[in-house]
Amino acid sequence: MRALAFSTLLATFAAPALAEQIRGTDFETGYWTGAAYTEDATGKFLYCDVSVSYTNGETLWLGLYRNDTLAVL
């Protein structure tokens, strides 16, 4: 499971030019931020994510992908 989450995250950050933020999906509430993204080539939904940073420097990142894969990092 960790390998899947890591490979999903790696694929997301290794090719950031392949995803485009969906206009109007970015948000901030309290300490949380997030947005949804499409695949540039097809325009199909790719993933959405939310994250929160803590005072100790740690960041919790959650991503939900179109195949219902949930990544928690």
C-alpha atoms as a PDB file:
ATOM      1  CA  MET A   1       0.000   0.000   0.000  1.00  0.00           C
ATOM      2  CA  ARG A   2       2.827   2.404   0.818  1.00  0.00           C
ATOM      3  CA  ALA A   3       4.498   1.575  -2.475  1.00  0.00           C
ATOM      4  CA  LEU A   4       1.280   2.396  -4.327  1.00  0.00           C
ATOM      5  CA  ALA A   5       0.880   5.699  -2.496  1.00  0.00           C
ATOM      6  CA  PHE A   6       4.515   6.578  -3.131  1.00  0.00           C
ATOM      7  CA  SER A   7       4.350   5.695  -6.818  1.00  0.00           C
ATOM      8  CA  THR A   8       1.133   7.691  -7.191  1.00  0.00           C
ATOM      9  CA  LEU A   9       2.721  10.703  -5.527  1.00  0.00           C
ATOM     10  CA  LEU A  10       5.876  10.304  -7.573  1.00  0.00           C
ATOM     11  CA  ALA A  11       3.869  10.160 -10.797  1.00  0.00           C
ATOM     12  CA  THR A  12       1.998  13.279  -9.747  1.00  0.00           C
ATOM     13  CA  PHE A  13       5.085  15.333  -8.960  1.00  0.00           C
ATOM     14  CA  ALA A  14       7.370  13.847 -11.611  1.00  0.00           C
ATOM     15  CA  ALA A  15       5.123  15.161 -14.367  1.00  0.00           C
ATOM     16  CA  PRO A  16       3.444  18.304 -13.041  1.00  0.00           C
ATOM     17  CA  ALA A  17       3.110  19.748 -16.550  1.00  0.00           C
ATOM     18  CA  LEU A  18       0.632  16.963 -17.381  1.00  0.00           C
ATOM     19  CA  ALA A  19      -1.987  18.285 -14.950  1.00  0.00           C
ATOM     20  CA  GLU A  20      -3.899  21.531 -15.050  1.00  0.00           C
ATOM     21  CA  GLN A  21      -5.858  22.927 -12.141  1.00  0.00           C
ATOM     22  CA  ILE A  22      -9.607  23.034 -12.725  1.00  0.00           C
ATOM     23  CA  ARG A  23     -10.641  26.671 -12.529  1.00  0.00           C
ATOM     24  CA  GLY A  24     -12.720  27.462  -9.456  1.00  0.00           C
ATOM     25  CA  THR A  25     -11.763  24.358  -7.484  1.00  0.00           C
ATOM     26  CA  ASP A  26      -8.971  25.840  -5.378  1.00  0.00           C
ATOM     27  CA  PHE A  27      -9.964  26.611  -1.817  1.00  0.00           C
ATOM     28  CA  GLU A  28      -8.674  27.507   1.618  1.00  0.00           C
ATOM     29  CA  THR A  29     -10.558  26.851   4.835  1.00  0.00           C
ATOM     30  CA  GLY A  30      -8.858  27.218   8.167  1.00  0.00           C
ATOM     31  CA  TYR A  31      -5.397  25.744   7.678  1.00  0.00           C
ATOM     32  CA  TRP A  32      -6.482  23.450   4.806  1.00  0.00           C
ATOM     33  CA  THR A  33      -5.931  24.106   1.096  1.00  0.00           C
ATOM     34  CA  GLY A  34      -6.868  22.066  -1.943  1.00  0.00           C
ATOM     35  CA  ALA A  35      -7.842  21.901  -5.600  1.00  0.00           C
ATOM     36  CA  ALA A  36      -8.804  19.518  -8.402  1.00  0.00           C
ATOM     37  CA  TYR A  37      -6.827  18.833 -11.565  1.00  0.00           C
ATOM     38  CA  THR A  38      -7.396  17.536 -15.091  1.00  0.00           C
ATOM     39  CA  GLU A  39      -5.114  15.654 -17.432  1.00  0.00           C
ATOM     40  CA  ASP A  40      -3.862  18.107 -20.061  1.00  0.00           C
ATOM     41  CA  ALA A  41      -4.012  15.684 -22.974  1.00  0.00           C
ATOM     42  CA  THR A  42      -7.621  14.572 -22.429  1.00  0.00           C
ATOM     43  CA  GLY A  43      -9.214  17.173 -20.164  1.00  0.00           C
ATOM     44  CA  LYS A  44     -10.491  14.357 -17.940  1.00  0.00           C
ATOM     45  CA  PHE A  45     -10.432  14.573 -14.152  1.00  0.00           C
ATOM     46  CA  LEU A  46      -7.041  13.416 -12.863  1.00  0.00           C
ATOM     47  CA  TYR A  47      -7.052  13.978  -9.089  1.00  0.00           C
ATOM     48  CA  CYS A  48      -7.957  16.317  -6.281  1.00  0.00           C
ATOM     49  CA  ASP A  49      -5.913  17.031  -3.197  1.00  0.00           C
ATOM     50  CA  VAL A  50      -6.068  18.716   0.177  1.00  0.00           C
ATOM     51  CA  SER A  51      -3.234  19.493   2.547  1.00  0.00           C
ATOM     52  CA  VAL A  52      -2.577  21.033   5.913  1.00  0.00           C
ATOM     53  CA  SER A  53       0.721  22.097   7.488  1.00  0.00           C
ATOM     54  CA  TYR A  54       1.398  21.729  11.182  1.00  0.00           C
ATOM     55  CA  THR A  55       3.492  23.937  13.469  1.00  0.00           C
ATOM     56  CA  ASN A  56       6.170  21.219  13.742  1.00  0.00           C
ATOM     57  CA  GLY A  57       6.819  21.516   9.988  1.00  0.00           C
ATOM     58  CA  GLU A  58       4.966  18.332   9.006  1.00  0.00           C
ATOM     59  CA  THR A  59       2.423  18.445   6.173  1.00  0.00           C
ATOM     60  CA  LEU A  60      -0.492  16.054   5.754  1.00  0.00           C
ATOM     61  CA  TRP A  61      -1.403  15.566   2.085  1.00  0.00           C
ATOM     62  CA  LEU A  62      -4.435  13.630   0.834  1.00  0.00           C
ATOM     63  CA  GLY A  63      -5.059  12.920  -2.832  1.00  0.00           C
ATOM     64  CA  LEU A  64      -8.010  11.185  -4.487  1.00  0.00           C
ATOM     65  CA  TYR A  65      -7.459   9.901  -8.032  1.00  0.00           C
ATOM     66  CA  ARG A  66      -9.983   9.101 -10.747  1.00  0.00           C
ATOM     67  CA  ASN A  67      -9.566   5.353 -10.200  1.00  0.00           C
ATOM     68  CA  ASP A  68     -10.686   5.833  -6.541  1.00  0.00           C
ATOM     69  CA  THR A  69      -7.121   5.490  -5.222  1.00  0.00           C
ATOM     70  CA  LEU A  70      -6.597   7.477  -2.038  1.00  0.00           C
ATOM     71  CA  ALA A  71      -3.072   8.617  -1.191  1.00  0.00           C
ATOM     72  CA  VAL A  72      -2.263   9.748   2.350  1.00  0.00           C
ATOM     73  CA  LEU A  73       1.175  11.250   2.825  1.00  0.00           C
END
